[in-house]
Amino acid sequence: MANLKEIRNRIASVSSTMQITSAMKMVSAAKLKKAQDAITAMRPYANSLTQLIQNLSRTLEGDSQNPYTQIRTKQKTLIVSLTSNRGLCGAFNSNIIKKTRQLIDHDFVEQDVTLITIGKKGSEVLEKTEKIISIHDAVFDDLNYENVGQIAQDIMDKFAEENFDEVVLVYNRFKNAATQIVEVEPFLPIVTELNDSVSASTDYIFEPSKSEIINDLLPKSLKMQLYKAVRDSFASEHGARMTAMHKATDNATELRDQLKLTYNQARQAAITNEILEIVGGAEALKG
């Protein structure tokens, strides 16, 4: 059995760790509320904008010459991988890294795959084995639409220049504080999905022309799509960290209680041994 000093040191160490994890949990909970409100407010607008683009695109019947709708033979693929800048958030980052590598090794195994990483944890791991053309670790330091829009514009320009034939996003979609869902979302080219529940024969009056409206809205829609993915990832990060720190605090509390029990048992055993030694000495003197 460990001596009393070692056990006291372990109790102090675990108690200190418990205070840190509890503080991190509270910080993440506060940040999660703001991030959750932001993504919840954004989703209806982003979804409505996407639906509007699809409805308008159907009326063009393939006449649009917009570079973002051009479907080419898939030979070069770009994966945009979204992770966090900090750890201590459970499997949040490892799930994205694992999914990215799975896409490279299986789904896109016959294609030339390159990466753009958003988040330091992903870039630190993936740059060792994969080809990364740009790293955006600072976007979470000042997360806003303009900064994310610049990244989206860079991706759109590269696609329009035919540097890539396909672009996909890999990120964690926020469901709730305890659940994050890994999403593989097509980004480019924009493919119009037929939806029988929405009539494509609606009589619109366009001013200016349909092509001009779509060409103006498509870049905004793509920037909003990437911004929504980054916001989803940001909210998921704080949800995952809050859950991880909650579990860590519970585990530290349980370990501290066990150590205190062990300490009391060791202390009781030491006192008993001292009493036995005194009694034994007294008996020896009597003899």
Foldseek 3Di string as FASTA:
>chain_A
DDDLVVLVVVLVVLVVVLVVLVVLLVVLVVVLVVLVVVLVVLVVVLVVLLVVLLLLVVVCVPPAPQLLQDADDAAEEEEEQEAAQDDLQPCQRVVSLVVVVCCCVPVQVRHHYEYEYEYDVNCVPQVVPGHYDYYHDCCVVPPDLVVLLVVLVVVVVCSSVVVGNWYWYWAWADDDLADTDTDTGTQGRDDRDDDPVDDSPDDDDDVPDSNVVSSVSVSVSSSSVRSSRNSRRSSNRSSSNSVSSVVSSVVSVVVSVVSVVVSVVSVVVVVVVVVVVVVVVVVVVVD
